[in-house]
C-alpha atoms as a PDB file:
ATOM      1  CA  MET A   1       3.049 -59.057 -26.709  1.00  0.00           C
ATOM      2  CA  LYS A   2       6.035 -57.061 -27.945  1.00  0.00           C
ATOM      3  CA  GLU A   3       3.668 -54.557 -29.497  1.00  0.00           C
ATOM      4  CA  ASP A   4       1.842 -54.133 -26.186  1.00  0.00           C
ATOM      5  CA  MET A   5       5.143 -53.685 -24.408  1.00  0.00           C
ATOM      6  CA  SER A   6       6.190 -51.108 -27.005  1.00  0.00           C
ATOM      7  CA  ASN A   7       2.898 -49.263 -26.499  1.00  0.00           C
ATOM      8  CA  VAL A   8       3.433 -49.275 -22.747  1.00  0.00           C
ATOM      9  CA  LYS A   9       6.935 -47.849 -23.221  1.00  0.00           C
ATOM     10  CA  VAL A  10       5.565 -45.121 -25.487  1.00  0.00           C
ATOM     11  CA  ASP A  11       2.835 -44.361 -22.959  1.00  0.00           C
ATOM     12  CA  VAL A  12       5.367 -44.208 -20.128  1.00  0.00           C
ATOM     13  CA  SER A  13       7.600 -41.942 -22.202  1.00  0.00           C
ATOM     14  CA  THR A  14       4.639 -39.678 -23.004  1.00  0.00           C
ATOM     15  CA  LEU A  15       3.655 -39.652 -19.345  1.00  0.00           C
ATOM     16  CA  LYS A  16       7.201 -38.640 -18.348  1.00  0.00           C
ATOM     17  CA  GLU A  17       7.133 -35.784 -20.866  1.00  0.00           C
ATOM     18  CA  ASP A  18       3.745 -34.648 -19.587  1.00  0.00           C
ATOM     19  CA  MET A  19       5.012 -34.741 -15.999  1.00  0.00           C
ATOM     20  CA  SER A  20       8.050 -32.706 -17.040  1.00  0.00           C
ATOM     21  CA  HIS A  21       5.799 -30.096 -18.662  1.00  0.00           C
ATOM     22  CA  LEU A  22       3.599 -30.014 -15.558  1.00  0.00           C
ATOM     23  CA  GLN A  23       6.656 -29.525 -13.347  1.00  0.00           C
ATOM     24  CA  ASN A  24       7.850 -26.677 -15.566  1.00  0.00           C
ATOM     25  CA  SER A  25       4.402 -25.104 -15.442  1.00  0.00           C
ATOM     26  CA  ALA A  26       4.321 -25.455 -11.656  1.00  0.00           C
ATOM     27  CA  ASP A  27       7.731 -23.779 -11.426  1.00  0.00           C
ATOM     28  CA  VAL A  28       6.510 -20.884 -13.583  1.00  0.00           C
ATOM     29  CA  VAL A  29       3.385 -20.498 -11.447  1.00  0.00           C
ATOM     30  CA  GLN A  30       5.493 -20.541  -8.273  1.00  0.00           C
ATOM     31  CA  ALA A  31       7.781 -17.845  -9.696  1.00  0.00           C
ATOM     32  CA  ASP A  32       4.750 -15.750 -10.654  1.00  0.00           C
ATOM     33  CA  ILE A  33       3.307 -16.106  -7.152  1.00  0.00           C
ATOM     34  CA  SER A  34       6.607 -14.986  -5.635  1.00  0.00           C
ATOM     35  CA  GLU A  35       6.665 -11.971  -7.946  1.00  0.00           C
ATOM     36  CA  VAL A  36       3.088 -11.067  -6.998  1.00  0.00           C
ATOM     37  CA  LYS A  37       3.961 -11.296  -3.299  1.00  0.00           C
ATOM     38  CA  VAL A  38       6.900  -8.928  -3.773  1.00  0.00           C
ATOM     39  CA  THR A  39       4.713  -6.486  -5.698  1.00  0.00           C
ATOM     40  CA  VAL A  40       1.988  -6.582  -3.028  1.00  0.00           C
ATOM     41  CA  THR A  41       4.567  -5.914  -0.321  1.00  0.00           C
ATOM     42  CA  GLN A  42       5.898  -2.927  -2.268  1.00  0.00           C
ATOM     43  CA  ILE A  43       2.373  -1.574  -2.774  1.00  0.00           C
ATOM     44  CA  GLN A  44       1.607  -1.926   0.931  1.00  0.00           C
ATOM     45  CA  ALA A  45       4.784  -0.043   1.849  1.00  0.00           C
ATOM     46  CA  ALA A  46       4.003   2.704  -0.669  1.00  0.00           C
ATOM     47  CA  GLN A  47       0.459   3.066   0.655  1.00  0.00           C
ATOM     48  CA  ALA A  48       1.746   3.443   4.196  1.00  0.00           C
ATOM     49  CA  GLU A  49       4.166   6.143   3.033  1.00  0.00           C
ATOM     50  CA  ASP A  50       1.352   7.910   1.158  1.00  0.00           C
ATOM     51  CA  VAL A  51      -0.872   7.898   4.242  1.00  0.00           C
ATOM     52  CA  ILE A  52       1.945   9.288   6.376  1.00  0.00           C
ATOM     53  CA  GLY A  53       2.534  12.043   3.814  1.00  0.00           C
ATOM     54  CA  ILE A  54      -1.151  12.948   3.738  1.00  0.00           C
ATOM     55  CA  LEU A  55      -1.295  13.051   7.536  1.00  0.00           C
ATOM     56  CA  LYS A  56       1.762  15.323   7.694  1.00  0.00           C
ATOM     57  CA  VAL A  57       0.229  17.765   5.202  1.00  0.00           C
ATOM     58  CA  SER A  58      -3.057  17.691   7.116  1.00  0.00           C
ATOM     59  CA  LYS A  59      -1.243  18.348  10.402  1.00  0.00           C
ATOM     60  CA  LYS A  60       0.613  21.331   8.940  1.00  0.00           C
ATOM     61  CA  LYS A  61      -2.647  22.798   7.659  1.00  0.00           C
ATOM     62  CA  THR A  62      -4.387  22.206  10.986  1.00  0.00           C
ATOM     63  CA  ASP A  63      -1.468  23.725  12.916  1.00  0.00           C
ATOM     64  CA  PHE A  64      -1.574  26.796  10.671  1.00  0.00           C
ATOM     65  CA  GLU A  65      -5.326  27.201  11.180  1.00  0.00           C
ATOM     66  CA  VAL A  66      -5.022  26.818  14.963  1.00  0.00           C
ATOM     67  CA  ASP A  67      -2.210  29.366  15.043  1.00  0.00           C
ATOM     68  CA  TYR A  68      -4.241  31.780  12.917  1.00  0.00           C
ATOM     69  CA  LEU A  69      -7.317  31.398  15.127  1.00  0.00           C
ATOM     70  CA  ASN A  70      -5.232  31.885  18.279  1.00  0.00           C
ATOM     71  CA  ASN A  71      -3.772  35.091  16.851  1.00  0.00           C
ATOM     72  CA  ARG A  72      -7.219  36.362  15.850  1.00  0.00           C
ATOM     73  CA  LEU A  73      -8.606  35.503  19.282  1.00  0.00           C
ATOM     74  CA  THR A  74      -5.742  37.344  20.957  1.00  0.00           C
ATOM     75  CA  GLU A  75      -6.322  40.393  18.741  1.00  0.00           C
ATOM     76  CA  ILE A  76     -10.065  40.373  19.454  1.00  0.00           C
ATOM     77  CA  ASP A  77      -9.376  39.930  23.161  1.00  0.00           C
ATOM     78  CA  LYS A  78      -7.102  43.004  23.078  1.00  0.00           C
ATOM     79  CA  ARG A  79      -9.764  45.070  21.315  1.00  0.00           C
ATOM     80  CA  LEU A  80     -12.392  43.948  23.813  1.00  0.00           C
ATOM     81  CA  TYR A  81     -10.087  44.900  26.677  1.00  0.00           C
ATOM     82  CA  VAL A  82      -9.518  48.364  25.175  1.00  0.00           C
ATOM     83  CA  LEU A  83     -13.277  48.845  24.700  1.00  0.00           C
ATOM     84  CA  GLU A  84     -13.953  47.784  28.289  1.00  0.00           C
ATOM     85  CA  LYS A  85     -11.363  50.238  29.565  1.00  0.00           C
ATOM     86  CA  MET A  86     -12.867  53.003  27.438  1.00  0.00           C
ATOM     87  CA  GLY A  87     -16.315  52.160  28.803  1.00  0.00           C
ATOM     88  CA  GLN A  88     -15.085  52.360  32.381  1.00  0.00           C
ATOM     89  CA  ASN A  89     -13.670  55.848  31.900  1.00  0.00           C
END
């Protein structure tokens, strides 16, 4: 009977150690999950900033092209006007 009781105590002690290891492992996993969440948040913020940067560059290029085309159109319109006036004379 004492031997059985001793075995039970050893089993309980082993079980407590196993539970302690499981708790430590769970704590490590929880810390890793928190770290992953922080990293994902940082990546999302960086992606948003990258998209905004790309859009700004694209807008500058588009604005330049529109300005260029407007200037060319104005120049062509002036030439056409001069040619029309020459044709009327």
